[in-house]
Amino acid sequence: MLQPEEIDANFQKVQGLCSKLGDRANAALTMVDELGLRLALCPASGRKDYHCAYPGGLVEHSLRVLGNAMRLSKAFDWEIPRDSLIIACLFHDLGKVGDNEKDYYVDSEPWRKEKQGELYTYNKEIQHMDVPTRGIFLCQHFGLKLTLDETLAIKLNDGFVVEENKQYCLKTPTLAFVVMTADYIATMQEKGLFT
């Protein structure tokens, strides 16, 4: 669990990073500010045995993904535009916030929390779509223009274990590979499997 001051500090980090996005800073900041508390408090997953399944978990996870992606890029001397790393990493799971009106995650019933470890469940009142598509929709909705590489990095962030992503194996831009790898590493770190 995160303390309120940690949630606030993480959200301010996201705002600070968005302010450094050049001609896309205004759109990114507008999106982050409009989503506001919904983004700041969003969990990264719905089950306590997954990762960051608590208020503020999504932003904490996304910042960790960004840190890992920067270290990977530096270690392999990959020249990836910094703004693309920031956008793709911070918003790789943005669809977990929900759409521009309704939350994606809602509190589970008490018995589900206790018996099944399901802290949050999917909102049945929201239009069905996968998380990456919803994230890309939100960027578009708020006028944050994505490059092709950024779009693919968000779309493919769950890696090649997802059946529909397998067709992209060995055909992805470096940014997509970096984001999916950094995301995997972050998830393992959050589960205590990597340090």
N, C-alpha and C. Protein backbone atom coordinates (compact mmCIF):
# COMPACT_ATOMS: atom_id res chain seq x y z
N MET A 1 0.84 -1.18 0.00
CA MET A 1 0.00 0.00 0.00
C MET A 1 0.88 1.25 0.00
N LEU A 2 0.38 2.28 -0.64
CA LEU A 2 1.06 3.57 -0.66
C LEU A 2 0.36 4.54 0.26
N GLN A 3 1.14 5.40 0.87
CA GLN A 3 0.59 6.46 1.70
C GLN A 3 0.11 7.59 0.79
N PRO A 4 -0.84 8.41 1.24
CA PRO A 4 -1.34 9.51 0.40
C PRO A 4 -0.24 10.42 -0.14
N GLU A 5 0.76 10.70 0.69
CA GLU A 5 1.85 11.58 0.22
C GLU A 5 2.69 10.90 -0.87
N GLU A 6 2.79 9.57 -0.83
CA GLU A 6 3.52 8.85 -1.89
C GLU A 6 2.73 8.87 -3.20
N ILE A 7 1.41 8.71 -3.10
CA ILE A 7 0.54 8.77 -4.28
C ILE A 7 0.66 10.15 -4.92
N ASP A 8 0.61 11.18 -4.08
CA ASP A 8 0.72 12.56 -4.58
C ASP A 8 2.08 12.81 -5.22
N ALA A 9 3.15 12.35 -4.58
CA ALA A 9 4.50 12.55 -5.12
C ALA A 9 4.65 11.84 -6.47
N ASN A 10 4.12 10.63 -6.59
CA ASN A 10 4.19 9.90 -7.87
C ASN A 10 3.42 10.62 -8.97
N PHE A 11 2.25 11.12 -8.62
CA PHE A 11 1.44 11.84 -9.60
C PHE A 11 2.16 13.11 -10.05
N GLN A 12 2.81 13.80 -9.11
CA GLN A 12 3.57 14.99 -9.47
C GLN A 12 4.75 14.65 -10.38
N LYS A 13 5.37 13.47 -10.17
CA LYS A 13 6.45 13.03 -11.06
C LYS A 13 5.92 12.86 -12.48
N VAL A 14 4.75 12.26 -12.61
CA VAL A 14 4.14 12.08 -13.93
C VAL A 14 3.89 13.44 -14.57
N GLN A 15 3.31 14.37 -13.82
CA GLN A 15 3.08 15.70 -14.35
C GLN A 15 4.39 16.37 -14.78
N GLY A 16 5.43 16.23 -13.97
CA GLY A 16 6.72 16.81 -14.30
C GLY A 16 7.30 16.21 -15.58
N LEU A 17 7.19 14.90 -15.74
CA LEU A 17 7.68 14.24 -16.95
C LEU A 17 6.88 14.69 -18.17
N CYS A 18 5.57 14.83 -18.01
CA CYS A 18 4.73 15.27 -19.12
C CYS A 18 5.07 16.69 -19.54
N SER A 19 5.47 17.51 -18.60
CA SER A 19 5.80 18.90 -18.93
C SER A 19 7.06 19.00 -19.79
N LYS A 20 7.81 17.90 -19.91
CA LYS A 20 9.05 17.90 -20.69
C LYS A 20 8.87 17.26 -22.07
N LEU A 21 7.64 17.17 -22.54
CA LEU A 21 7.36 16.49 -23.80
C LEU A 21 7.27 17.43 -25.00
N GLY A 22 7.89 18.58 -24.90
CA GLY A 22 7.94 19.50 -26.03
C GLY A 22 6.57 19.91 -26.52
N ASP A 23 6.34 19.80 -27.82
CA ASP A 23 5.07 20.24 -28.39
C ASP A 23 3.90 19.33 -28.02
N ARG A 24 4.16 18.23 -27.34
CA ARG A 24 3.08 17.35 -26.88
C ARG A 24 2.82 17.49 -25.38
N ALA A 25 3.54 18.38 -24.73
CA ALA A 25 3.39 18.55 -23.29
C ALA A 25 1.99 18.98 -22.90
N ASN A 26 1.42 19.94 -23.61
CA ASN A 26 0.09 20.44 -23.24
C ASN A 26 -0.97 19.34 -23.31
N ALA A 27 -0.94 18.54 -24.38
CA ALA A 27 -1.93 17.46 -24.52
C ALA A 27 -1.73 16.42 -23.42
N ALA A 28 -0.48 16.05 -23.14
CA ALA A 28 -0.21 15.06 -22.10
C ALA A 28 -0.65 15.56 -20.73
N LEU A 29 -0.32 16.82 -20.43
CA LEU A 29 -0.71 17.40 -19.15
C LEU A 29 -2.22 17.53 -19.02
N THR A 30 -2.87 17.92 -20.11
CA THR A 30 -4.33 18.02 -20.08
C THR A 30 -4.94 16.66 -19.77
N MET A 31 -4.44 15.61 -20.44
CA MET A 31 -4.96 14.27 -20.21
C MET A 31 -4.74 13.85 -18.76
N VAL A 32 -3.52 14.00 -18.27
CA VAL A 32 -3.20 13.60 -16.90
C VAL A 32 -4.03 14.39 -15.90
N ASP A 33 -4.16 15.69 -16.11
CA ASP A 33 -4.93 16.53 -15.19
C ASP A 33 -6.43 16.23 -15.25
N GLU A 34 -6.95 16.00 -16.45
CA GLU A 34 -8.38 15.67 -16.59
C GLU A 34 -8.70 14.33 -15.94
N LEU A 35 -7.82 13.35 -16.11
CA LEU A 35 -8.05 12.05 -15.47
C LEU A 35 -7.83 12.16 -13.97
N GLY A 36 -6.95 13.06 -13.57
CA GLY A 36 -6.76 13.44 -12.17
C GLY A 36 -6.71 12.30 -11.17
N LEU A 37 -7.62 12.34 -10.21
CA LEU A 37 -7.64 11.34 -9.15
C LEU A 37 -7.89 9.93 -9.68
N ARG A 38 -8.62 9.83 -10.76
CA ARG A 38 -8.87 8.49 -11.34
C ARG A 38 -7.55 7.85 -11.74
N LEU A 39 -6.65 8.62 -12.33
CA LEU A 39 -5.33 8.11 -12.69
C LEU A 39 -4.46 7.95 -11.44
N ALA A 40 -4.45 8.96 -10.59
CA ALA A 40 -3.59 8.93 -9.40
C ALA A 40 -3.89 7.75 -8.49
N LEU A 41 -5.16 7.36 -8.39
CA LEU A 41 -5.58 6.30 -7.46
C LEU A 41 -5.78 4.93 -8.11
N CYS A 42 -5.62 4.85 -9.41
CA CYS A 42 -5.90 3.61 -10.13
C CYS A 42 -4.92 2.50 -9.72
N PRO A 43 -5.43 1.30 -9.44
CA PRO A 43 -4.52 0.17 -9.20
C PRO A 43 -3.95 -0.33 -10.52
N ALA A 44 -2.83 -1.05 -10.45
CA ALA A 44 -2.23 -1.63 -11.66
C ALA A 44 -2.84 -2.98 -12.00
N SER A 45 -3.48 -3.62 -11.02
CA SER A 45 -4.13 -4.90 -11.26
C SER A 45 -5.24 -5.08 -10.23
N GLY A 46 -6.05 -6.11 -10.43
CA GLY A 46 -7.21 -6.29 -9.59
C GLY A 46 -7.09 -7.34 -8.50
N ARG A 47 -6.04 -8.15 -8.55
CA ARG A 47 -5.90 -9.24 -7.59
C ARG A 47 -4.69 -9.03 -6.70
N LYS A 48 -4.84 -9.35 -5.43
CA LYS A 48 -3.74 -9.10 -4.50
C LYS A 48 -2.51 -9.95 -4.79
N ASP A 49 -2.66 -11.06 -5.52
CA ASP A 49 -1.50 -11.87 -5.87
C ASP A 49 -0.87 -11.44 -7.19
N TYR A 50 -1.39 -10.38 -7.82
CA TYR A 50 -0.78 -9.81 -9.01
C TYR A 50 0.17 -8.72 -8.56
N HIS A 51 0.24 -7.62 -9.25
CA HIS A 51 1.19 -6.58 -8.87
C HIS A 51 0.47 -5.25 -8.69
N CYS A 52 0.91 -4.52 -7.68
CA CYS A 52 0.44 -3.15 -7.40
C CYS A 52 -1.09 -3.04 -7.41
N ALA A 53 -1.74 -3.97 -6.76
CA ALA A 53 -3.21 -3.98 -6.70
C ALA A 53 -3.68 -3.15 -5.51
N TYR A 54 -3.40 -1.87 -5.59
CA TYR A 54 -3.78 -0.95 -4.52
C TYR A 54 -3.85 0.46 -5.10
N PRO A 55 -4.53 1.38 -4.40
CA PRO A 55 -4.63 2.75 -4.90
C PRO A 55 -3.25 3.35 -5.16
N GLY A 56 -3.09 3.91 -6.35
CA GLY A 56 -1.82 4.49 -6.76
C GLY A 56 -0.88 3.51 -7.42
N GLY A 57 -1.29 2.25 -7.51
CA GLY A 57 -0.44 1.20 -8.06
C GLY A 57 -0.09 1.39 -9.52
N LEU A 58 -1.02 1.89 -10.33
CA LEU A 58 -0.76 2.05 -11.75
C LEU A 58 0.34 3.08 -12.01
N VAL A 59 0.27 4.22 -11.35
CA VAL A 59 1.28 5.26 -11.54
C VAL A 59 2.62 4.77 -11.02
N GLU A 60 2.63 4.13 -9.85
CA GLU A 60 3.88 3.60 -9.30
C GLU A 60 4.51 2.59 -10.28
N HIS A 61 3.69 1.69 -10.81
CA HIS A 61 4.17 0.69 -11.76
C HIS A 61 4.70 1.35 -13.03
N SER A 62 3.97 2.31 -13.55
CA SER A 62 4.38 2.98 -14.79
C SER A 62 5.69 3.73 -14.64
N LEU A 63 5.90 4.35 -13.49
CA LEU A 63 7.18 5.02 -13.23
C LEU A 63 8.32 4.00 -13.15
N ARG A 64 8.03 2.84 -12.57
CA ARG A 64 9.05 1.78 -12.50
C ARG A 64 9.37 1.26 -13.91
N VAL A 65 8.35 1.11 -14.74
CA VAL A 65 8.57 0.68 -16.13
C VAL A 65 9.47 1.69 -16.84
N LEU A 66 9.20 2.97 -16.65
CA LEU A 66 10.02 4.01 -17.27
C LEU A 66 11.47 3.93 -16.80
N GLY A 67 11.68 3.77 -15.51
CA GLY A 67 13.05 3.65 -15.00
C GLY A 67 13.77 2.46 -15.60
N ASN A 68 13.08 1.32 -15.69
CA ASN A 68 13.68 0.13 -16.29
C ASN A 68 13.99 0.35 -17.77
N ALA A 69 13.06 1.00 -18.47
CA ALA A 69 13.25 1.24 -19.90
C ALA A 69 14.45 2.15 -20.15
N MET A 70 14.61 3.15 -19.31
CA MET A 70 15.76 4.05 -19.46
C MET A 70 17.08 3.30 -19.21
N ARG A 71 17.08 2.43 -18.20
CA ARG A 71 18.29 1.65 -17.92
C ARG A 71 18.59 0.68 -19.07
N LEU A 72 17.57 0.03 -19.60
CA LEU A 72 17.77 -0.88 -20.74
C LEU A 72 18.32 -0.14 -21.95
N SER A 73 17.72 0.98 -22.26
CA SER A 73 18.16 1.77 -23.43
C SER A 73 19.61 2.21 -23.28
N LYS A 74 19.96 2.62 -22.08
CA LYS A 74 21.33 3.06 -21.83
C LYS A 74 22.30 1.88 -21.91
N ALA A 75 21.92 0.76 -21.29
CA ALA A 75 22.80 -0.41 -21.27
C ALA A 75 23.11 -0.93 -22.67
N PHE A 76 22.13 -0.88 -23.56
CA PHE A 76 22.32 -1.40 -24.92
C PHE A 76 22.64 -0.29 -25.92
N ASP A 77 22.75 0.94 -25.41
CA ASP A 77 23.08 2.09 -26.25
C ASP A 77 22.09 2.26 -27.41
N TRP A 78 20.79 2.04 -27.08
CA TRP A 78 19.74 2.23 -28.08
C TRP A 78 19.36 3.70 -28.10
N GLU A 79 19.28 4.26 -29.26
CA GLU A 79 18.91 5.66 -29.40
C GLU A 79 17.40 5.75 -29.62
N ILE A 80 16.70 5.91 -28.52
CA ILE A 80 15.24 6.04 -28.55
C ILE A 80 14.92 7.44 -28.04
N PRO A 81 14.10 8.18 -28.76
CA PRO A 81 13.76 9.52 -28.28
C PRO A 81 13.20 9.47 -26.86
N ARG A 82 13.71 10.36 -26.02
CA ARG A 82 13.30 10.38 -24.61
C ARG A 82 11.79 10.59 -24.46
N ASP A 83 11.21 11.47 -25.30
CA ASP A 83 9.77 11.70 -25.18
C ASP A 83 8.98 10.44 -25.53
N SER A 84 9.48 9.65 -26.46
CA SER A 84 8.79 8.39 -26.80
C SER A 84 8.87 7.40 -25.65
N LEU A 85 10.02 7.33 -24.98
CA LEU A 85 10.13 6.45 -23.80
C LEU A 85 9.15 6.88 -22.72
N ILE A 86 9.09 8.18 -22.46
CA ILE A 86 8.19 8.69 -21.42
C ILE A 86 6.75 8.38 -21.75
N ILE A 87 6.31 8.70 -22.95
CA ILE A 87 4.92 8.49 -23.34
C ILE A 87 4.56 7.01 -23.32
N ALA A 88 5.38 6.17 -23.96
CA ALA A 88 5.06 4.75 -24.07
C ALA A 88 5.05 4.07 -22.70
N CYS A 89 5.99 4.44 -21.84
CA CYS A 89 6.05 3.80 -20.53
C CYS A 89 4.97 4.30 -19.58
N LEU A 90 4.82 5.62 -19.50
CA LEU A 90 3.83 6.15 -18.56
C LEU A 90 2.41 5.76 -18.95
N PHE A 91 2.16 5.60 -20.25
CA PHE A 91 0.79 5.36 -20.69
C PHE A 91 0.57 3.96 -21.25
N HIS A 92 1.53 3.04 -21.01
CA HIS A 92 1.39 1.68 -21.55
C HIS A 92 0.15 0.97 -21.01
N ASP A 93 -0.26 1.26 -19.80
CA ASP A 93 -1.44 0.64 -19.19
C ASP A 93 -2.52 1.67 -18.87
N LEU A 94 -2.51 2.78 -19.55
CA LEU A 94 -3.46 3.87 -19.27
C LEU A 94 -4.90 3.40 -19.35
N GLY A 95 -5.17 2.43 -20.21
CA GLY A 95 -6.54 1.91 -20.36
C GLY A 95 -7.12 1.35 -19.08
N LYS A 96 -6.26 1.06 -18.09
CA LYS A 96 -6.76 0.56 -16.81
C LYS A 96 -7.48 1.63 -16.00
N VAL A 97 -7.32 2.89 -16.40
CA VAL A 97 -8.05 3.97 -15.74
C VAL A 97 -9.53 3.87 -16.10
N GLY A 98 -9.81 3.44 -17.32
CA GLY A 98 -11.17 3.38 -17.83
C GLY A 98 -11.27 4.26 -19.06
N ASP A 99 -12.46 4.67 -19.40
CA ASP A 99 -12.60 5.57 -20.54
C ASP A 99 -12.60 7.01 -20.03
N ASN A 100 -13.08 7.93 -20.81
CA ASN A 100 -13.06 9.33 -20.37
C ASN A 100 -14.14 9.64 -19.34
N GLU A 101 -14.98 8.65 -18.99
CA GLU A 101 -16.04 8.87 -18.01
C GLU A 101 -16.09 7.84 -16.89
N LYS A 102 -15.92 6.56 -17.23
CA LYS A 102 -16.12 5.48 -16.26
C LYS A 102 -14.83 4.75 -15.96
N ASP A 103 -14.72 4.30 -14.69
CA ASP A 103 -13.56 3.56 -14.26
C ASP A 103 -13.56 2.15 -14.83
N TYR A 104 -12.38 1.63 -15.06
CA TYR A 104 -12.19 0.25 -15.52
C TYR A 104 -12.30 -0.71 -14.35
N TYR A 105 -11.66 -0.36 -13.24
CA TYR A 105 -11.73 -1.19 -12.03
C TYR A 105 -12.75 -0.61 -11.06
N VAL A 106 -13.53 -1.49 -10.46
CA VAL A 106 -14.43 -1.11 -9.37
C VAL A 106 -14.19 -2.08 -8.22
N ASP A 107 -14.52 -1.66 -7.01
CA ASP A 107 -14.32 -2.53 -5.84
C ASP A 107 -15.09 -3.84 -6.00
N SER A 108 -14.44 -4.92 -5.61
CA SER A 108 -15.10 -6.22 -5.60
C SER A 108 -15.98 -6.33 -4.37
N GLU A 109 -16.87 -7.29 -4.40
CA GLU A 109 -17.71 -7.56 -3.24
C GLU A 109 -16.82 -8.13 -2.13
N PRO A 110 -17.17 -7.87 -0.87
CA PRO A 110 -16.31 -8.32 0.25
C PRO A 110 -15.97 -9.81 0.20
N TRP A 111 -16.92 -10.66 -0.15
CA TRP A 111 -16.63 -12.10 -0.17
C TRP A 111 -15.60 -12.44 -1.25
N ARG A 112 -15.60 -11.71 -2.37
CA ARG A 112 -14.61 -11.96 -3.43
C ARG A 112 -13.22 -11.54 -2.97
N LYS A 113 -13.18 -10.44 -2.23
CA LYS A 113 -11.89 -9.98 -1.69
C LYS A 113 -11.31 -11.02 -0.74
N GLU A 114 -12.17 -11.50 0.16
CA GLU A 114 -11.71 -12.43 1.19
C GLU A 114 -11.41 -13.82 0.64
N LYS A 115 -12.31 -14.36 -0.14
CA LYS A 115 -12.19 -15.76 -0.60
C LYS A 115 -11.32 -15.92 -1.84
N GLN A 116 -11.34 -14.93 -2.73
CA GLN A 116 -10.66 -15.09 -4.01
C GLN A 116 -9.49 -14.13 -4.21
N GLY A 117 -9.29 -13.21 -3.28
CA GLY A 117 -8.20 -12.25 -3.42
C GLY A 117 -8.43 -11.24 -4.53
N GLU A 118 -9.67 -11.11 -4.97
CA GLU A 118 -10.01 -10.16 -6.04
C GLU A 118 -10.41 -8.84 -5.40
N LEU A 119 -9.47 -7.91 -5.36
CA LEU A 119 -9.72 -6.63 -4.71
C LEU A 119 -10.57 -5.71 -5.57
N TYR A 120 -10.36 -5.82 -6.90
CA TYR A 120 -11.12 -5.02 -7.86
C TYR A 120 -11.62 -5.94 -8.95
N THR A 121 -12.75 -5.57 -9.53
CA THR A 121 -13.28 -6.31 -10.66
C THR A 121 -13.49 -5.34 -11.81
N TYR A 122 -13.71 -5.89 -12.98
CA TYR A 122 -13.91 -5.05 -14.16
C TYR A 122 -15.31 -4.45 -14.16
N ASN A 123 -15.39 -3.21 -14.52
CA ASN A 123 -16.65 -2.48 -14.57
C ASN A 123 -17.49 -2.98 -15.74
N LYS A 124 -18.62 -3.57 -15.46
CA LYS A 124 -19.49 -4.10 -16.52
C LYS A 124 -20.23 -3.01 -17.28
N GLU A 125 -20.18 -1.78 -16.76
CA GLU A 125 -20.88 -0.67 -17.41
C GLU A 125 -20.01 0.06 -18.44
N ILE A 126 -18.78 -0.36 -18.57
CA ILE A 126 -17.88 0.30 -19.51
C ILE A 126 -17.84 -0.50 -20.81
N GLN A 127 -17.64 0.20 -21.92
CA GLN A 127 -17.54 -0.48 -23.22
C GLN A 127 -16.39 -1.48 -23.19
N HIS A 128 -16.65 -2.70 -23.62
CA HIS A 128 -15.59 -3.71 -23.64
C HIS A 128 -14.54 -3.36 -24.69
N MET A 129 -13.29 -3.37 -24.27
CA MET A 129 -12.14 -3.31 -25.17
C MET A 129 -10.91 -3.64 -24.34
N ASP A 130 -9.85 -4.08 -25.02
CA ASP A 130 -8.66 -4.42 -24.26
C ASP A 130 -7.98 -3.16 -23.74
N VAL A 131 -7.14 -3.34 -22.73
CA VAL A 131 -6.48 -2.22 -22.06
C VAL A 131 -5.63 -1.38 -23.01
N PRO A 132 -4.79 -2.01 -23.87
CA PRO A 132 -3.99 -1.17 -24.78
C PRO A 132 -4.84 -0.31 -25.72
N THR A 133 -5.90 -0.88 -26.27
CA THR A 133 -6.77 -0.12 -27.18
C THR A 133 -7.42 1.04 -26.45
N ARG A 134 -7.86 0.80 -25.21
CA ARG A 134 -8.48 1.88 -24.44
C ARG A 134 -7.45 2.96 -24.13
N GLY A 135 -6.21 2.59 -23.85
CA GLY A 135 -5.16 3.57 -23.59
C GLY A 135 -4.88 4.44 -24.82
N ILE A 136 -4.83 3.78 -25.98
CA ILE A 136 -4.61 4.53 -27.23
C ILE A 136 -5.80 5.45 -27.49
N PHE A 137 -7.02 4.97 -27.20
CA PHE A 137 -8.21 5.81 -27.35
C PHE A 137 -8.11 7.06 -26.47
N LEU A 138 -7.70 6.87 -25.21
CA LEU A 138 -7.61 8.02 -24.30
C LEU A 138 -6.59 9.04 -24.81
N CYS A 139 -5.44 8.57 -25.28
CA CYS A 139 -4.45 9.50 -25.83
C CYS A 139 -5.06 10.28 -26.99
N GLN A 140 -5.75 9.58 -27.87
CA GLN A 140 -6.39 10.23 -29.02
C GLN A 140 -7.47 11.20 -28.55
N HIS A 141 -8.27 10.77 -27.59
CA HIS A 141 -9.37 11.61 -27.08
C HIS A 141 -8.86 12.94 -26.55
N PHE A 142 -7.71 12.91 -25.89
CA PHE A 142 -7.16 14.14 -25.30
C PHE A 142 -6.18 14.85 -26.22
N GLY A 143 -6.06 14.38 -27.45
CA GLY A 143 -5.24 15.06 -28.44
C GLY A 143 -3.74 14.80 -28.32
N LEU A 144 -3.37 13.74 -27.59
CA LEU A 144 -1.96 13.38 -27.49
C LEU A 144 -1.61 12.50 -28.70
N LYS A 145 -0.93 13.09 -29.66
CA LYS A 145 -0.59 12.36 -30.89
C LYS A 145 0.54 11.39 -30.61
N LEU A 146 0.31 10.15 -30.97
CA LEU A 146 1.30 9.10 -30.79
C LEU A 146 2.00 8.81 -32.11
N THR A 147 3.29 8.53 -32.03
CA THR A 147 4.00 8.07 -33.22
C THR A 147 3.61 6.61 -33.45
N LEU A 148 3.96 6.09 -34.60
CA LEU A 148 3.71 4.68 -34.89
C LEU A 148 4.40 3.78 -33.86
N ASP A 149 5.66 4.08 -33.56
CA ASP A 149 6.40 3.27 -32.58
C ASP A 149 5.74 3.33 -31.20
N GLU A 150 5.28 4.50 -30.79
CA GLU A 150 4.60 4.63 -29.49
C GLU A 150 3.30 3.85 -29.47
N THR A 151 2.56 3.92 -30.56
CA THR A 151 1.30 3.17 -30.65
C THR A 151 1.55 1.68 -30.50
N LEU A 152 2.56 1.17 -31.20
CA LEU A 152 2.87 -0.26 -31.11
C LEU A 152 3.42 -0.62 -29.73
N ALA A 153 4.18 0.27 -29.11
CA ALA A 153 4.70 -0.01 -27.77
C ALA A 153 3.55 -0.15 -26.77
N ILE A 154 2.53 0.69 -26.88
CA ILE A 154 1.37 0.58 -26.00
C ILE A 154 0.56 -0.66 -26.34
N LYS A 155 0.33 -0.88 -27.62
CA LYS A 155 -0.47 -2.03 -28.06
C LYS A 155 0.15 -3.36 -27.65
N LEU A 156 1.46 -3.47 -27.72
CA LEU A 156 2.14 -4.74 -27.51
C LEU A 156 2.78 -4.89 -26.13
N ASN A 157 2.46 -4.00 -25.19
CA ASN A 157 3.20 -3.98 -23.92
C ASN A 157 3.10 -5.27 -23.12
N ASP A 158 2.08 -6.08 -23.35
CA ASP A 158 1.97 -7.35 -22.62
C ASP A 158 2.82 -8.45 -23.22
N GLY A 159 3.52 -8.14 -24.29
CA GLY A 159 4.47 -9.09 -24.86
C GLY A 159 3.85 -10.14 -25.75
N PHE A 160 4.66 -11.11 -26.08
CA PHE A 160 4.26 -12.12 -27.04
C PHE A 160 3.56 -13.32 -26.40
N VAL A 161 3.33 -13.25 -25.09
CA VAL A 161 2.52 -14.28 -24.44
C VAL A 161 1.04 -14.09 -24.77
N VAL A 162 0.69 -12.89 -25.19
CA VAL A 162 -0.69 -12.60 -25.60
C VAL A 162 -0.84 -13.07 -27.05
N GLU A 163 -1.81 -13.91 -27.28
CA GLU A 163 -1.97 -14.56 -28.59
C GLU A 163 -1.99 -13.57 -29.75
N GLU A 164 -2.76 -12.50 -29.62
CA GLU A 164 -2.87 -11.56 -30.74
C GLU A 164 -1.58 -10.78 -31.00
N ASN A 165 -0.64 -10.80 -30.04
CA ASN A 165 0.63 -10.10 -30.23
C ASN A 165 1.68 -10.96 -30.93
N LYS A 166 1.46 -12.27 -31.00
CA LYS A 166 2.48 -13.17 -31.55
C LYS A 166 2.84 -12.84 -32.99
N GLN A 167 1.90 -12.31 -33.75
CA GLN A 167 2.18 -11.97 -35.15
C GLN A 167 3.24 -10.87 -35.27
N TYR A 168 3.49 -10.13 -34.18
CA TYR A 168 4.46 -9.04 -34.20
C TYR A 168 5.86 -9.50 -33.78
N CYS A 169 6.00 -10.74 -33.34
CA CYS A 169 7.28 -11.23 -32.85
C CYS A 169 8.35 -11.04 -33.93
N LEU A 170 9.48 -10.45 -33.54
CA LEU A 170 10.62 -10.14 -34.41
C LEU A 170 10.28 -9.09 -35.47
N LYS A 171 9.14 -8.39 -35.30
CA LYS A 171 8.74 -7.35 -36.25
C LYS A 171 8.38 -6.06 -35.52
N THR A 172 8.88 -5.89 -34.32
CA THR A 172 8.51 -4.72 -33.53
C THR A 172 9.62 -3.68 -33.55
N PRO A 173 9.24 -2.41 -33.43
CA PRO A 173 10.27 -1.39 -33.27
C PRO A 173 10.96 -1.56 -31.91
N THR A 174 12.15 -1.04 -31.79
CA THR A 174 12.92 -1.17 -30.55
C THR A 174 12.14 -0.65 -29.35
N LEU A 175 11.43 0.46 -29.53
CA LEU A 175 10.65 1.03 -28.42
C LEU A 175 9.66 0.02 -27.86
N ALA A 176 8.96 -0.70 -28.71
CA ALA A 176 7.98 -1.69 -28.25
C ALA A 176 8.67 -2.80 -27.46
N PHE A 177 9.81 -3.25 -27.96
CA PHE A 177 10.56 -4.29 -27.26
C PHE A 177 11.02 -3.79 -25.90
N VAL A 178 11.51 -2.56 -25.84
CA VAL A 178 11.99 -2.00 -24.57
C VAL A 178 10.84 -1.89 -23.57
N VAL A 179 9.68 -1.41 -24.01
CA VAL A 179 8.54 -1.24 -23.09
C VAL A 179 8.06 -2.60 -22.59
N MET A 180 7.91 -3.58 -23.47
CA MET A 180 7.42 -4.88 -23.00
C MET A 180 8.42 -5.53 -22.05
N THR A 181 9.71 -5.37 -22.31
CA THR A 181 10.73 -5.95 -21.43
C THR A 181 10.77 -5.22 -20.09
N ALA A 182 10.72 -3.90 -20.13
CA ALA A 182 10.73 -3.10 -18.90
C ALA A 182 9.48 -3.37 -18.07
N ASP A 183 8.35 -3.59 -18.73
CA ASP A 183 7.09 -3.91 -18.04
C ASP A 183 7.21 -5.27 -17.35
N TYR A 184 7.74 -6.24 -18.04
CA TYR A 184 7.91 -7.57 -17.46
C TYR A 184 8.84 -7.51 -16.24
N ILE A 185 9.96 -6.81 -16.40
CA ILE A 185 10.91 -6.69 -15.28
C ILE A 185 10.24 -6.00 -14.10
N ALA A 186 9.49 -4.92 -14.36
CA ALA A 186 8.81 -4.20 -13.28
C ALA A 186 7.83 -5.10 -12.55
N THR A 187 7.08 -5.89 -13.29
CA THR A 187 6.12 -6.80 -12.67
C THR A 187 6.83 -7.81 -11.78
N MET A 188 7.94 -8.36 -12.25
CA MET A 188 8.71 -9.30 -11.44
C MET A 188 9.30 -8.62 -10.20
N GLN A 189 9.75 -7.38 -10.34
CA GLN A 189 10.25 -6.63 -9.19
C GLN A 189 9.13 -6.44 -8.17
N GLU A 190 7.96 -6.09 -8.64
CA GLU A 190 6.83 -5.83 -7.74
C GLU A 190 6.34 -7.09 -7.04
N LYS A 191 6.56 -8.22 -7.65
CA LYS A 191 6.18 -9.50 -7.03
C LYS A 191 7.31 -10.02 -6.15
N GLY A 192 8.44 -9.28 -6.08
CA GLY A 192 9.56 -9.68 -5.25
C GLY A 192 10.43 -10.76 -5.87
N LEU A 193 10.28 -11.00 -7.16
CA LEU A 193 11.05 -12.04 -7.84
C LEU A 193 12.36 -11.53 -8.41
N PHE A 194 12.43 -10.24 -8.70
CA PHE A 194 13.67 -9.58 -9.13
C PHE A 194 13.93 -8.47 -8.13
N THR A 195 15.18 -8.13 -7.94
CA THR A 195 15.49 -7.02 -7.03
C THR A 195 15.93 -5.81 -7.82
